[in-house]
Amino acid sequence: MLVVFVFAANAPGVDVSGLVAGILAVLVSAVFATVLGIYCYKAKNKSGRRAPVRMAADGHPAPETVPLAGIMVPGLPSYNEALTRSGQHDAAPPPYSGGAPSEPADPGDGERAV
């Protein structure tokens, strides 16, 4: 079967905006896939270089980096003790350096007072 393409003068042209959008979508997808592939490759290689975990069954107990025995944690103070203690936030606030405070709106003007 022989197919002959005949180009007529009124044949539709190339959709340039569609072509550009398609090429751009392929490029963005390729960049995304490349970055994802590199991330997975590096994560796979990184997990293979871990130090072996020492278990107590190996004959040697794992050393504690922070000994937890003998540490006493202070309890929280009661409400009254917290009120009577002084601290860094007990100072008075700095004076307001702005202008005079604005007058409250008259509720009779149709505005609700808050």
PDB file of N, CA and C in Angstrom:
ATOM      1  N   MET A   1       0.847  -1.171   0.000  1.00  0.00           N
ATOM      2  CA  MET A   1       0.000   0.000   0.000  1.00  0.00           C
ATOM      3  C   MET A   1       0.888   1.228   0.000  1.00  0.00           C
ATOM      4  N   LEU A   2       0.629   2.096  -0.878  1.00  0.00           N
ATOM      5  CA  LEU A   2       1.418   3.301  -1.035  1.00  0.00           C
ATOM      6  C   LEU A   2       0.612   4.473  -0.483  1.00  0.00           C
ATOM      7  N   VAL A   3       1.193   5.182   0.465  1.00  0.00           N
ATOM      8  CA  VAL A   3       0.522   6.330   1.072  1.00  0.00           C
ATOM      9  C   VAL A   3       1.202   7.581   0.547  1.00  0.00           C
ATOM     10  N   VAL A   4       0.412   8.453   0.056  1.00  0.00           N
ATOM     11  CA  VAL A   4       0.928   9.694  -0.492  1.00  0.00           C
ATOM     12  C   VAL A   4       0.371  10.838   0.339  1.00  0.00           C
ATOM     13  N   PHE A   5       1.246  11.663   0.829  1.00  0.00           N
ATOM     14  CA  PHE A   5       0.817  12.831   1.588  1.00  0.00           C
ATOM     15  C   PHE A   5       0.776  14.024   0.657  1.00  0.00           C
ATOM     16  N   VAL A   6      -0.326  14.657   0.670  1.00  0.00           N
ATOM     17  CA  VAL A   6      -0.487  15.838  -0.157  1.00  0.00           C
ATOM     18  C   VAL A   6      -0.658  17.017   0.782  1.00  0.00           C
ATOM     19  N   PHE A   7       0.188  17.999   0.628  1.00  0.00           N
ATOM     20  CA  PHE A   7       0.113  19.187   1.466  1.00  0.00           C
ATOM     21  C   PHE A   7      -0.661  20.245   0.709  1.00  0.00           C
ATOM     22  N   ALA A   8      -1.781  20.584   1.283  1.00  0.00           N
ATOM     23  CA  ALA A   8      -2.597  21.612   0.658  1.00  0.00           C
ATOM     24  C   ALA A   8      -2.195  22.966   1.232  1.00  0.00           C
ATOM     25  N   ALA A   9      -2.579  23.993   0.561  1.00  0.00           N
ATOM     26  CA  ALA A   9      -2.227  25.339   0.993  1.00  0.00           C
ATOM     27  C   ALA A   9      -2.957  25.716   2.274  1.00  0.00           C
ATOM     28  N   ASN A  10      -4.119  25.108   2.525  1.00  0.00           N
ATOM     29  CA  ASN A  10      -4.877  25.478   3.718  1.00  0.00           C
ATOM     30  C   ASN A  10      -4.693  24.455   4.846  1.00  0.00           C
ATOM     31  N   ALA A  11      -3.659  23.621   4.796  1.00  0.00           N
ATOM     32  CA  ALA A  11      -3.401  22.630   5.849  1.00  0.00           C
ATOM     33  C   ALA A  11      -2.962  23.359   7.116  1.00  0.00           C
ATOM     34  N   PRO A  12      -3.362  22.831   8.275  1.00  0.00           N
ATOM     35  CA  PRO A  12      -2.981  23.513   9.519  1.00  0.00           C
ATOM     36  C   PRO A  12      -1.474  23.445   9.736  1.00  0.00           C
ATOM     37  N   GLY A  13      -0.921  24.505  10.332  1.00  0.00           N
ATOM     38  CA  GLY A  13       0.519  24.570  10.584  1.00  0.00           C
ATOM     39  C   GLY A  13       0.884  23.841  11.871  1.00  0.00           C
ATOM     40  N   VAL A  14       2.113  23.957  12.224  1.00  0.00           N
ATOM     41  CA  VAL A  14       2.622  23.320  13.436  1.00  0.00           C
ATOM     42  C   VAL A  14       2.195  24.153  14.638  1.00  0.00           C
ATOM     43  N   ASP A  15       1.695  23.469  15.672  1.00  0.00           N
ATOM     44  CA  ASP A  15       1.307  24.138  16.899  1.00  0.00           C
ATOM     45  C   ASP A  15       2.575  24.395  17.709  1.00  0.00           C
ATOM     46  N   VAL A  16       3.129  25.592  17.567  1.00  0.00           N
ATOM     47  CA  VAL A  16       4.416  25.916  18.182  1.00  0.00           C
ATOM     48  C   VAL A  16       4.302  25.935  19.702  1.00  0.00           C
ATOM     49  N   SER A  17       3.242  26.501  20.234  1.00  0.00           N
ATOM     50  CA  SER A  17       3.115  26.562  21.691  1.00  0.00           C
ATOM     51  C   SER A  17       2.973  25.163  22.287  1.00  0.00           C
ATOM     52  N   GLY A  18       2.257  24.279  21.612  1.00  0.00           N
ATOM     53  CA  GLY A  18       2.144  22.904  22.084  1.00  0.00           C
ATOM     54  C   GLY A  18       3.459  22.171  22.009  1.00  0.00           C
ATOM     55  N   LEU A  19       4.219  22.413  20.941  1.00  0.00           N
ATOM     56  CA  LEU A  19       5.527  21.796  20.778  1.00  0.00           C
ATOM     57  C   LEU A  19       6.489  22.256  21.869  1.00  0.00           C
ATOM     58  N   VAL A  20       6.507  23.548  22.166  1.00  0.00           N
ATOM     59  CA  VAL A  20       7.379  24.093  23.215  1.00  0.00           C
ATOM     60  C   VAL A  20       6.966  23.545  24.582  1.00  0.00           C
ATOM     61  N   ALA A  21       5.663  23.477  24.845  1.00  0.00           N
ATOM     62  CA  ALA A  21       5.191  22.948  26.125  1.00  0.00           C
ATOM     63  C   ALA A  21       5.568  21.475  26.283  1.00  0.00           C
ATOM     64  N   GLY A  22       5.467  20.702  25.211  1.00  0.00           N
ATOM     65  CA  GLY A  22       5.831  19.301  25.271  1.00  0.00           C
ATOM     66  C   GLY A  22       7.314  19.092  25.514  1.00  0.00           C
ATOM     67  N   ILE A  23       8.147  19.854  24.810  1.00  0.00           N
ATOM     68  CA  ILE A  23       9.596  19.752  24.990  1.00  0.00           C
ATOM     69  C   ILE A  23       9.982  20.172  26.404  1.00  0.00           C
ATOM     70  N   LEU A  24       9.370  21.231  26.902  1.00  0.00           N
ATOM     71  CA  LEU A  24       9.653  21.696  28.253  1.00  0.00           C
ATOM     72  C   LEU A  24       9.236  20.652  29.295  1.00  0.00           C
ATOM     73  N   ALA A  25       8.096  20.018  29.087  1.00  0.00           N
ATOM     74  CA  ALA A  25       7.634  18.980  30.022  1.00  0.00           C
ATOM     75  C   ALA A  25       8.586  17.796  30.030  1.00  0.00           C
ATOM     76  N   VAL A  26       9.095  17.406  28.864  1.00  0.00           N
ATOM     77  CA  VAL A  26      10.047  16.289  28.795  1.00  0.00           C
ATOM     78  C   VAL A  26      11.342  16.658  29.502  1.00  0.00           C
ATOM     79  N   LEU A  27      11.828  17.873  29.315  1.00  0.00           N
ATOM     80  CA  LEU A  27      13.065  18.299  29.965  1.00  0.00           C
ATOM     81  C   LEU A  27      12.913  18.350  31.486  1.00  0.00           C
ATOM     82  N   VAL A  28      11.807  18.912  31.963  1.00  0.00           N
ATOM     83  CA  VAL A  28      11.578  18.984  33.415  1.00  0.00           C
ATOM     84  C   VAL A  28      11.462  17.580  34.002  1.00  0.00           C
ATOM     85  N   SER A  29      10.768  16.690  33.314  1.00  0.00           N
ATOM     86  CA  SER A  29      10.641  15.310  33.800  1.00  0.00           C
ATOM     87  C   SER A  29      11.997  14.615  33.827  1.00  0.00           C
ATOM     88  N   ALA A  30      12.837  14.870  32.827  1.00  0.00           N
ATOM     89  CA  ALA A  30      14.161  14.253  32.787  1.00  0.00           C
ATOM     90  C   ALA A  30      15.032  14.765  33.930  1.00  0.00           C
ATOM     91  N   VAL A  31      14.978  16.051  34.214  1.00  0.00           N
ATOM     92  CA  VAL A  31      15.761  16.611  35.320  1.00  0.00           C
ATOM     93  C   VAL A  31      15.272  16.035  36.645  1.00  0.00           C
ATOM     94  N   PHE A  32      13.962  15.957  36.824  1.00  0.00           N
ATOM     95  CA  PHE A  32      13.377  15.403  38.048  1.00  0.00           C
ATOM     96  C   PHE A  32      13.796  13.942  38.236  1.00  0.00           C
ATOM     97  N   ALA A  33      13.719  13.155  37.180  1.00  0.00           N
ATOM     98  CA  ALA A  33      14.101  11.746  37.268  1.00  0.00           C
ATOM     99  C   ALA A  33      15.593  11.598  37.551  1.00  0.00           C
ATOM    100  N   THR A  34      16.429  12.452  36.976  1.00  0.00           N
ATOM    101  CA  THR A  34      17.864  12.396  37.216  1.00  0.00           C
ATOM    102  C   THR A  34      18.186  12.715  38.668  1.00  0.00           C
ATOM    103  N   VAL A  35      17.588  13.773  39.201  1.00  0.00           N
ATOM    104  CA  VAL A  35      17.846  14.143  40.598  1.00  0.00           C
ATOM    105  C   VAL A  35      17.368  13.045  41.534  1.00  0.00           C
ATOM    106  N   LEU A  36      16.199  12.486  41.273  1.00  0.00           N
ATOM    107  CA  LEU A  36      15.677  11.406  42.103  1.00  0.00           C
ATOM    108  C   LEU A  36      16.570  10.168  42.017  1.00  0.00           C
ATOM    109  N   GLY A  37      17.057   9.857  40.845  1.00  0.00           N
ATOM    110  CA  GLY A  37      17.950   8.714  40.679  1.00  0.00           C
ATOM    111  C   GLY A  37      19.266   8.901  41.417  1.00  0.00           C
ATOM    112  N   ILE A  38      19.843  10.083  41.335  1.00  0.00           N
ATOM    113  CA  ILE A  38      21.096  10.352  42.044  1.00  0.00           C
ATOM    114  C   ILE A  38      20.876  10.263  43.549  1.00  0.00           C
ATOM    115  N   TYR A  39      19.757  10.788  44.042  1.00  0.00           N
ATOM    116  CA  TYR A  39      19.450  10.718  45.471  1.00  0.00           C
ATOM    117  C   TYR A  39      19.336   9.259  45.931  1.00  0.00           C
ATOM    118  N   CYS A  40      18.619   8.453  45.172  1.00  0.00           N
ATOM    119  CA  CYS A  40      18.459   7.038  45.542  1.00  0.00           C
ATOM    120  C   CYS A  40      19.787   6.300  45.473  1.00  0.00           C
ATOM    121  N   TYR A  41      20.600   6.596  44.482  1.00  0.00           N
ATOM    122  CA  TYR A  41      21.909   5.949  44.337  1.00  0.00           C
ATOM    123  C   TYR A  41      22.813   6.276  45.521  1.00  0.00           C
ATOM    124  N   LYS A  42      22.844   7.559  45.911  1.00  0.00           N
ATOM    125  CA  LYS A  42      23.691   7.951  47.034  1.00  0.00           C
ATOM    126  C   LYS A  42      23.158   7.399  48.346  1.00  0.00           C
ATOM    127  N   ALA A  43      21.839   7.346  48.515  1.00  0.00           N
ATOM    128  CA  ALA A  43      21.264   6.803  49.747  1.00  0.00           C
ATOM    129  C   ALA A  43      21.557   5.310  49.861  1.00  0.00           C
ATOM    130  N   LYS A  44      21.549   4.609  48.754  1.00  0.00           N
ATOM    131  CA  LYS A  44      21.845   3.172  48.765  1.00  0.00           C
ATOM    132  C   LYS A  44      23.294   2.931  49.150  1.00  0.00           C
ATOM    133  N   ASN A  45      24.207   3.693  48.593  1.00  0.00           N
ATOM    134  CA  ASN A  45      25.624   3.525  48.903  1.00  0.00           C
ATOM    135  C   ASN A  45      25.947   3.976  50.320  1.00  0.00           C
ATOM    136  N   LYS A  46      25.241   4.975  50.814  1.00  0.00           N
ATOM    137  CA  LYS A  46      25.495   5.483  52.155  1.00  0.00           C
ATOM    138  C   LYS A  46      25.094   4.459  53.208  1.00  0.00           C
ATOM    139  N   SER A  47      24.008   3.736  52.974  1.00  0.00           N
ATOM    140  CA  SER A  47      23.538   2.783  53.974  1.00  0.00           C
ATOM    141  C   SER A  47      24.467   1.578  54.078  1.00  0.00           C
ATOM    142  N   GLY A  48      25.284   1.319  53.112  1.00  0.00           N
ATOM    143  CA  GLY A  48      26.187   0.184  53.148  1.00  0.00           C
ATOM    144  C   GLY A  48      27.434   0.423  53.977  1.00  0.00           C
ATOM    145  N   ARG A  49      27.739   1.653  54.345  1.00  0.00           N
ATOM    146  CA  ARG A  49      28.962   1.978  55.066  1.00  0.00           C
ATOM    147  C   ARG A  49      28.732   2.208  56.558  1.00  0.00           C
ATOM    148  N   ARG A  50      27.696   1.675  57.123  1.00  0.00           N
ATOM    149  CA  ARG A  50      27.422   1.876  58.546  1.00  0.00           C
ATOM    150  C   ARG A  50      28.368   1.037  59.388  1.00  0.00           C
ATOM    151  N   ALA A  51      28.649   1.556  60.573  1.00  0.00           N
ATOM    152  CA  ALA A  51      29.475   0.810  61.514  1.00  0.00           C
ATOM    153  C   ALA A  51      28.636  -0.323  62.097  1.00  0.00           C
ATOM    154  N   PRO A  52      29.279  -1.450  62.397  1.00  0.00           N
ATOM    155  CA  PRO A  52      28.506  -2.559  62.955  1.00  0.00           C
ATOM    156  C   PRO A  52      27.980  -2.208  64.346  1.00  0.00           C
ATOM    157  N   VAL A  53      26.787  -2.684  64.640  1.00  0.00           N
ATOM    158  CA  VAL A  53      26.157  -2.430  65.924  1.00  0.00           C
ATOM    159  C   VAL A  53      26.662  -3.468  66.907  1.00  0.00           C
ATOM    160  N   ARG A  54      27.087  -3.035  68.079  1.00  0.00           N
ATOM    161  CA  ARG A  54      27.560  -3.956  69.109  1.00  0.00           C
ATOM    162  C   ARG A  54      26.397  -4.348  69.989  1.00  0.00           C
ATOM    163  N   MET A  55      26.177  -5.616  70.112  1.00  0.00           N
ATOM    164  CA  MET A  55      25.097  -6.141  70.936  1.00  0.00           C
ATOM    165  C   MET A  55      25.688  -6.739  72.204  1.00  0.00           C
ATOM    166  N   ALA A  56      24.866  -6.833  73.242  1.00  0.00           N
ATOM    167  CA  ALA A  56      25.319  -7.428  74.494  1.00  0.00           C
ATOM    168  C   ALA A  56      25.619  -8.908  74.296  1.00  0.00           C
ATOM    169  N   ALA A  57      24.993  -9.539  73.316  1.00  0.00           N
ATOM    170  CA  ALA A  57      25.217 -10.963  73.053  1.00  0.00           C
ATOM    171  C   ALA A  57      26.602 -11.226  72.465  1.00  0.00           C
ATOM    172  N   ASP A  58      27.295 -10.183  71.996  1.00  0.00           N
ATOM    173  CA  ASP A  58      28.635 -10.347  71.446  1.00  0.00           C
ATOM    174  C   ASP A  58      29.672 -10.596  72.530  1.00  0.00           C
ATOM    175  N   GLY A  59      29.292 -10.463  73.784  1.00  0.00           N
ATOM    176  CA  GLY A  59      30.236 -10.663  74.867  1.00  0.00           C
ATOM    177  C   GLY A  59      30.718  -9.361  75.471  1.00  0.00           C
ATOM    178  N   HIS A  60      30.589  -8.281  74.761  1.00  0.00           N
ATOM    179  CA  HIS A  60      31.007  -6.978  75.263  1.00  0.00           C
ATOM    180  C   HIS A  60      29.780  -6.067  75.301  1.00  0.00           C
ATOM    181  N   PRO A  61      29.450  -5.513  76.451  1.00  0.00           N
ATOM    182  CA  PRO A  61      28.301  -4.603  76.484  1.00  0.00           C
ATOM    183  C   PRO A  61      28.617  -3.305  75.745  1.00  0.00           C
ATOM    184  N   ALA A  62      27.620  -2.746  75.140  1.00  0.00           N
ATOM    185  CA  ALA A  62      27.801  -1.494  74.413  1.00  0.00           C
ATOM    186  C   ALA A  62      28.060  -0.370  75.410  1.00  0.00           C
ATOM    187  N   PRO A  63      29.078   0.449  75.179  1.00  0.00           N
ATOM    188  CA  PRO A  63      29.366   1.526  76.134  1.00  0.00           C
ATOM    189  C   PRO A  63      28.297   2.610  76.057  1.00  0.00           C
ATOM    190  N   GLU A  64      27.940   3.124  77.212  1.00  0.00           N
ATOM    191  CA  GLU A  64      26.975   4.219  77.250  1.00  0.00           C
ATOM    192  C   GLU A  64      27.718   5.518  76.988  1.00  0.00           C
ATOM    193  N   THR A  65      27.162   6.326  76.135  1.00  0.00           N
ATOM    194  CA  THR A  65      27.792   7.615  75.884  1.00  0.00           C
ATOM    195  C   THR A  65      27.463   8.590  76.997  1.00  0.00           C
ATOM    196  N   VAL A  66      26.267   8.480  77.579  1.00  0.00           N
ATOM    197  CA  VAL A  66      25.869   9.308  78.706  1.00  0.00           C
ATOM    198  C   VAL A  66      25.324   8.373  79.773  1.00  0.00           C
ATOM    199  N   PRO A  67      26.008   8.247  80.869  1.00  0.00           N
ATOM    200  CA  PRO A  67      25.481   7.349  81.897  1.00  0.00           C
ATOM    201  C   PRO A  67      24.205   7.929  82.496  1.00  0.00           C
ATOM    202  N   LEU A  68      23.151   7.137  82.518  1.00  0.00           N
ATOM    203  CA  LEU A  68      21.866   7.619  82.994  1.00  0.00           C
ATOM    204  C   LEU A  68      21.622   7.282  84.458  1.00  0.00           C
ATOM    205  N   ALA A  69      22.450   6.448  85.034  1.00  0.00           N
ATOM    206  CA  ALA A  69      22.258   6.078  86.426  1.00  0.00           C
ATOM    207  C   ALA A  69      22.713   7.220  87.324  1.00  0.00           C
ATOM    208  N   GLY A  70      21.941   7.524  88.333  1.00  0.00           N
ATOM    209  CA  GLY A  70      22.325   8.527  89.319  1.00  0.00           C
ATOM    210  C   GLY A  70      21.959   9.952  88.950  1.00  0.00           C
ATOM    211  N   ILE A  71      21.302  10.177  87.824  1.00  0.00           N
ATOM    212  CA  ILE A  71      20.909  11.526  87.449  1.00  0.00           C
ATOM    213  C   ILE A  71      19.545  11.806  88.061  1.00  0.00           C
ATOM    214  N   MET A  72      19.479  12.853  88.861  1.00  0.00           N
ATOM    215  CA  MET A  72      18.212  13.242  89.476  1.00  0.00           C
ATOM    216  C   MET A  72      17.641  14.430  88.706  1.00  0.00           C
ATOM    217  N   VAL A  73      16.437  14.284  88.233  1.00  0.00           N
ATOM    218  CA  VAL A  73      15.785  15.349  87.493  1.00  0.00           C
ATOM    219  C   VAL A  73      14.925  16.127  88.469  1.00  0.00           C
ATOM    220  N   PRO A  74      15.107  17.444  88.563  1.00  0.00           N
ATOM    221  CA  PRO A  74      14.286  18.203  89.496  1.00  0.00           C
ATOM    222  C   PRO A  74      12.830  18.224  89.021  1.00  0.00           C
ATOM    223  N   GLY A  75      11.917  18.152  89.969  1.00  0.00           N
ATOM    224  CA  GLY A  75      10.501  18.175  89.635  1.00  0.00           C
ATOM    225  C   GLY A  75      10.037  19.586  89.323  1.00  0.00           C
ATOM    226  N   LEU A  76       8.857  19.695  88.787  1.00  0.00           N
ATOM    227  CA  LEU A  76       8.292  21.008  88.504  1.00  0.00           C
ATOM    228  C   LEU A  76       7.828  21.662  89.796  1.00  0.00           C
ATOM    229  N   PRO A  77       7.961  22.984  89.895  1.00  0.00           N
ATOM    230  CA  PRO A  77       7.486  23.651  91.111  1.00  0.00           C
ATOM    231  C   PRO A  77       5.967  23.700  91.138  1.00  0.00           C
ATOM    232  N   SER A  78       5.447  23.901  92.328  1.00  0.00           N
ATOM    233  CA  SER A  78       3.995  24.060  92.429  1.00  0.00           C
ATOM    234  C   SER A  78       3.614  25.418  91.847  1.00  0.00           C
ATOM    235  N   TYR A  79       2.327  25.664  91.731  1.00  0.00           N
ATOM    236  CA  TYR A  79       1.843  26.924  91.156  1.00  0.00           C
ATOM    237  C   TYR A  79       2.273  28.098  92.022  1.00  0.00           C
ATOM    238  N   ASN A  80       2.107  27.973  93.341  1.00  0.00           N
ATOM    239  CA  ASN A  80       2.475  29.068  94.247  1.00  0.00           C
ATOM    240  C   ASN A  80       3.977  29.297  94.256  1.00  0.00           C
ATOM    241  N   GLU A  81       4.774  28.228  94.197  1.00  0.00           N
ATOM    242  CA  GLU A  81       6.220  28.402  94.133  1.00  0.00           C
ATOM    243  C   GLU A  81       6.637  29.108  92.851  1.00  0.00           C
ATOM    244  N   ALA A  82       5.979  28.787  91.754  1.00  0.00           N
ATOM    245  CA  ALA A  82       6.312  29.434  90.479  1.00  0.00           C
ATOM    246  C   ALA A  82       5.958  30.915  90.513  1.00  0.00           C
ATOM    247  N   LEU A  83       4.875  31.263  91.206  1.00  0.00           N
ATOM    248  CA  LEU A  83       4.496  32.679  91.294  1.00  0.00           C
ATOM    249  C   LEU A  83       5.453  33.470  92.161  1.00  0.00           C
ATOM    250  N   THR A  84       5.982  32.831  93.210  1.00  0.00           N
ATOM    251  CA  THR A  84       6.855  33.567  94.128  1.00  0.00           C
ATOM    252  C   THR A  84       8.291  33.630  93.645  1.00  0.00           C
ATOM    253  N   ARG A  85       8.724  32.762  92.756  1.00  0.00           N
ATOM    254  CA  ARG A  85      10.098  32.798  92.271  1.00  0.00           C
ATOM    255  C   ARG A  85      10.303  33.986  91.346  1.00  0.00           C
ATOM    256  N   SER A  86      11.531  34.500  91.364  1.00  0.00           N
ATOM    257  CA  SER A  86      11.857  35.585  90.437  1.00  0.00           C
ATOM    258  C   SER A  86      12.624  34.982  89.266  1.00  0.00           C
ATOM    259  N   GLY A  87      12.505  35.605  88.113  1.00  0.00           N
ATOM    260  CA  GLY A  87      13.170  35.086  86.929  1.00  0.00           C
ATOM    261  C   GLY A  87      13.444  36.194  85.939  1.00  0.00           C
ATOM    262  N   GLN A  88      13.891  35.809  84.750  1.00  0.00           N
ATOM    263  CA  GLN A  88      14.294  36.802  83.751  1.00  0.00           C
ATOM    264  C   GLN A  88      13.112  37.553  83.157  1.00  0.00           C
ATOM    265  N   HIS A  89      11.900  37.019  83.285  1.00  0.00           N
ATOM    266  CA  HIS A  89      10.747  37.671  82.668  1.00  0.00           C
ATOM    267  C   HIS A  89       9.932  38.476  83.676  1.00  0.00           C
ATOM    268  N   ASP A  90      10.501  38.756  84.834  1.00  0.00           N
ATOM    269  CA  ASP A  90       9.759  39.487  85.855  1.00  0.00           C
ATOM    270  C   ASP A  90       9.867  40.996  85.715  1.00  0.00           C
ATOM    271  N   ALA A  91      10.735  41.489  84.875  1.00  0.00           N
ATOM    272  CA  ALA A  91      10.913  42.931  84.742  1.00  0.00           C
ATOM    273  C   ALA A  91       9.689  43.555  84.086  1.00  0.00           C
ATOM    274  N   ALA A  92       9.474  44.829  84.391  1.00  0.00           N
ATOM    275  CA  ALA A  92       8.357  45.560  83.791  1.00  0.00           C
ATOM    276  C   ALA A  92       8.620  45.763  82.310  1.00  0.00           C
ATOM    277  N   PRO A  93       7.592  45.819  81.494  1.00  0.00           N
ATOM    278  CA  PRO A  93       7.818  46.045  80.057  1.00  0.00           C
ATOM    279  C   PRO A  93       8.355  47.445  79.817  1.00  0.00           C
ATOM    280  N   PRO A  94       9.044  47.637  78.708  1.00  0.00           N
ATOM    281  CA  PRO A  94       9.568  48.970  78.408  1.00  0.00           C
ATOM    282  C   PRO A  94       8.420  49.937  78.163  1.00  0.00           C
ATOM    283  N   PRO A  95       8.656  51.217  78.381  1.00  0.00           N
ATOM    284  CA  PRO A  95       7.575  52.188  78.177  1.00  0.00           C
ATOM    285  C   PRO A  95       7.187  52.273  76.708  1.00  0.00           C
ATOM    286  N   TYR A  96       5.934  52.555  76.457  1.00  0.00           N
ATOM    287  CA  TYR A  96       5.435  52.693  75.095  1.00  0.00           C
ATOM    288  C   TYR A  96       5.940  54.002  74.526  1.00  0.00           C
ATOM    289  N   SER A  97       6.611  53.929  73.384  1.00  0.00           N
ATOM    290  CA  SER A  97       7.215  55.134  72.821  1.00  0.00           C
ATOM    291  C   SER A  97       6.361  55.759  71.721  1.00  0.00           C
ATOM    292  N   GLY A  98       5.185  55.208  71.461  1.00  0.00           N
ATOM    293  CA  GLY A  98       4.334  55.736  70.402  1.00  0.00           C
ATOM    294  C   GLY A  98       3.596  56.981  70.842  1.00  0.00           C
ATOM    295  N   GLY A  99       2.731  57.468  69.981  1.00  0.00           N
ATOM    296  CA  GLY A  99       1.945  58.664  70.271  1.00  0.00           C
ATOM    297  C   GLY A  99       0.855  58.367  71.289  1.00  0.00           C
ATOM    298  N   ALA A 100      -0.026  59.300  71.436  1.00  0.00           N
ATOM    299  CA  ALA A 100      -1.126  59.152  72.380  1.00  0.00           C
ATOM    300  C   ALA A 100      -2.049  58.042  71.902  1.00  0.00           C
ATOM    301  N   PRO A 101      -2.611  57.288  72.824  1.00  0.00           N
ATOM    302  CA  PRO A 101      -3.522  56.219  72.401  1.00  0.00           C
ATOM    303  C   PRO A 101      -4.746  56.793  71.717  1.00  0.00           C
ATOM    304  N   SER A 102      -5.258  56.050  70.761  1.00  0.00           N
ATOM    305  CA  SER A 102      -6.411  56.542  70.012  1.00  0.00           C
ATOM    306  C   SER A 102      -7.661  56.443  70.871  1.00  0.00           C
ATOM    307  N   GLU A 103      -8.606  57.303  70.583  1.00  0.00           N
ATOM    308  CA  GLU A 103      -9.874  57.320  71.318  1.00  0.00           C
ATOM    309  C   GLU A 103     -10.700  56.125  70.885  1.00  0.00           C
ATOM    310  N   PRO A 104     -11.398  55.458  71.815  1.00  0.00           N
ATOM    311  CA  PRO A 104     -12.267  54.359  71.403  1.00  0.00           C
ATOM    312  C   PRO A 104     -13.439  54.872  70.581  1.00  0.00           C
ATOM    313  N   ALA A 105     -13.868  54.076  69.650  1.00  0.00           N
ATOM    314  CA  ALA A 105     -14.975  54.470  68.773  1.00  0.00           C
ATOM    315  C   ALA A 105     -16.259  54.533  69.574  1.00  0.00           C
ATOM    316  N   ASP A 106     -17.100  55.495  69.212  1.00  0.00           N
ATOM    317  CA  ASP A 106     -18.397  55.645  69.875  1.00  0.00           C
ATOM    318  C   ASP A 106     -19.319  54.562  69.347  1.00  0.00           C
ATOM    319  N   PRO A 107     -19.872  53.681  70.217  1.00  0.00           N
ATOM    320  CA  PRO A 107     -20.722  52.602  69.722  1.00  0.00           C
ATOM    321  C   PRO A 107     -22.019  53.088  69.071  1.00  0.00           C
ATOM    322  N   GLY A 108     -22.369  54.325  69.275  1.00  0.00           N
ATOM    323  CA  GLY A 108     -23.590  54.855  68.667  1.00  0.00           C
ATOM    324  C   GLY A 108     -23.427  55.193  67.194  1.00  0.00           C
ATOM    325  N   ASP A 109     -22.188  55.152  66.649  1.00  0.00           N
ATOM    326  CA  ASP A 109     -21.949  55.490  65.241  1.00  0.00           C
ATOM    327  C   ASP A 109     -22.209  54.335  64.301  1.00  0.00           C
ATOM    328  N   GLY A 110     -22.772  53.237  64.802  1.00  0.00           N
ATOM    329  CA  GLY A 110     -23.025  52.086  63.948  1.00  0.00           C
ATOM    330  C   GLY A 110     -21.914  51.066  64.003  1.00  0.00           C
ATOM    331  N   GLU A 111     -20.835  51.363  64.701  1.00  0.00           N
ATOM    332  CA  GLU A 111     -19.748  50.413  64.852  1.00  0.00           C
ATOM    333  C   GLU A 111     -19.912  49.679  66.173  1.00  0.00           C
ATOM    334  N   ARG A 112     -19.559  48.436  66.169  1.00  0.00           N
ATOM    335  CA  ARG A 112     -19.632  47.660  67.390  1.00  0.00           C
ATOM    336  C   ARG A 112     -18.381  47.872  68.207  1.00  0.00           C
ATOM    337  N   ALA A 113     -18.529  48.061  69.486  1.00  0.00           N
ATOM    338  CA  ALA A 113     -17.383  48.181  70.386  1.00  0.00           C
ATOM    339  C   ALA A 113     -16.917  46.768  70.733  1.00  0.00           C
ATOM    340  N   VAL A 114     -15.616  46.583  70.713  1.00  0.00           N
ATOM    341  CA  VAL A 114     -15.062  45.253  70.997  1.00  0.00           C
ATOM    342  C   VAL A 114     -14.481  45.236  72.386  1.00  0.00           C
TER     343      VAL A 114
END
